[in-house]
């Protein structure tokens, strides 16, 4: 069931490339390795944003939502 869900959730060309993998865990691992290339500049920007982010006058709910 999970394997079918993954296949329906990805583009057709990507699905064809993982069609031969017979377990959901195997497909997930393949996709993670393929698409988890880190972007050091984006990571740095996010870390800076998190460092500077303050609650200020926001209530806890709004603060948490923006933080997410």
Protein backbone atom coordinates (compact mmCIF):
# COMPACT_ATOMS: atom_id res chain seq x y z
CA UNK A 1 0.00 0.00 0.00
CA UNK A 2 2.77 2.47 0.92
CA UNK A 3 4.74 1.59 -2.19
CA UNK A 4 1.69 2.33 -4.37
CA UNK A 5 1.16 5.64 -2.56
CA UNK A 6 4.78 6.66 -3.18
CA UNK A 7 4.53 5.76 -6.86
CA UNK A 8 1.35 7.84 -7.23
CA UNK A 9 2.94 10.78 -5.38
CA UNK A 10 5.98 11.24 -7.59
CA UNK A 11 6.30 12.29 -11.20
CA UNK A 12 5.98 9.66 -13.89
CA UNK A 13 9.62 9.87 -14.94
CA UNK A 14 10.85 9.44 -11.36
CA UNK A 15 8.38 6.61 -10.80
CA UNK A 16 9.79 4.79 -13.83
CA UNK A 17 13.29 5.06 -12.38
CA UNK A 18 12.28 3.40 -9.09
CA UNK A 19 9.81 0.92 -10.56
CA UNK A 20 12.25 -1.97 -10.16
CA UNK A 21 12.60 -1.40 -6.38
CA UNK A 22 10.16 -3.74 -4.66
CA UNK A 23 9.88 -2.22 -1.16
CA UNK A 24 8.65 1.15 0.06
CA UNK A 25 11.75 1.47 2.25
CA UNK A 26 13.98 0.86 -0.76
CA UNK A 27 12.19 3.49 -2.86
CA UNK A 28 12.26 5.96 0.01
CA UNK A 29 16.01 5.43 0.51
CA UNK A 30 16.64 5.89 -3.22
CA UNK A 31 14.63 9.13 -3.30
CA UNK A 32 16.32 10.43 -0.14
CA UNK A 33 19.79 9.85 -1.58
CA UNK A 34 18.77 11.37 -4.90
CA UNK A 35 17.13 14.53 -3.55
CA UNK A 36 18.80 15.23 -0.22
CA UNK A 37 21.72 17.16 -1.63
CA UNK A 38 22.32 19.92 0.86
CA UNK A 39 22.51 23.55 -0.17
CA UNK A 40 25.02 25.12 2.22
CA UNK A 41 23.95 28.66 1.28
CA UNK A 42 20.26 27.94 1.94
CA UNK A 43 21.13 26.29 5.25
CA UNK A 44 23.18 29.32 6.25
CA UNK A 45 20.31 31.68 5.36
CA UNK A 46 17.84 29.61 7.39
CA UNK A 47 20.16 29.49 10.39
CA UNK A 48 20.57 33.27 10.24
CA UNK A 49 16.80 33.76 10.02
CA UNK A 50 16.26 31.49 13.03
CA UNK A 51 18.93 33.30 15.01
CA UNK A 52 17.33 36.70 14.34
CA UNK A 53 13.70 35.64 14.78
CA UNK A 54 12.05 37.00 17.93
CA UNK A 55 8.57 36.63 19.36
CA UNK A 56 8.16 40.36 19.98
CA UNK A 57 4.46 41.21 20.13
CA UNK A 58 3.28 37.95 18.53
CA UNK A 59 1.18 35.61 20.63
CA UNK A 60 2.56 32.11 21.13
CA UNK A 61 0.40 30.57 18.39
CA UNK A 62 1.45 33.11 15.73
CA UNK A 63 5.07 32.93 16.85
CA UNK A 64 5.10 29.14 16.55
CA UNK A 65 3.37 29.24 13.16
CA UNK A 66 5.92 31.70 11.75
CA UNK A 67 8.78 29.77 13.29
CA UNK A 68 7.60 26.57 11.58
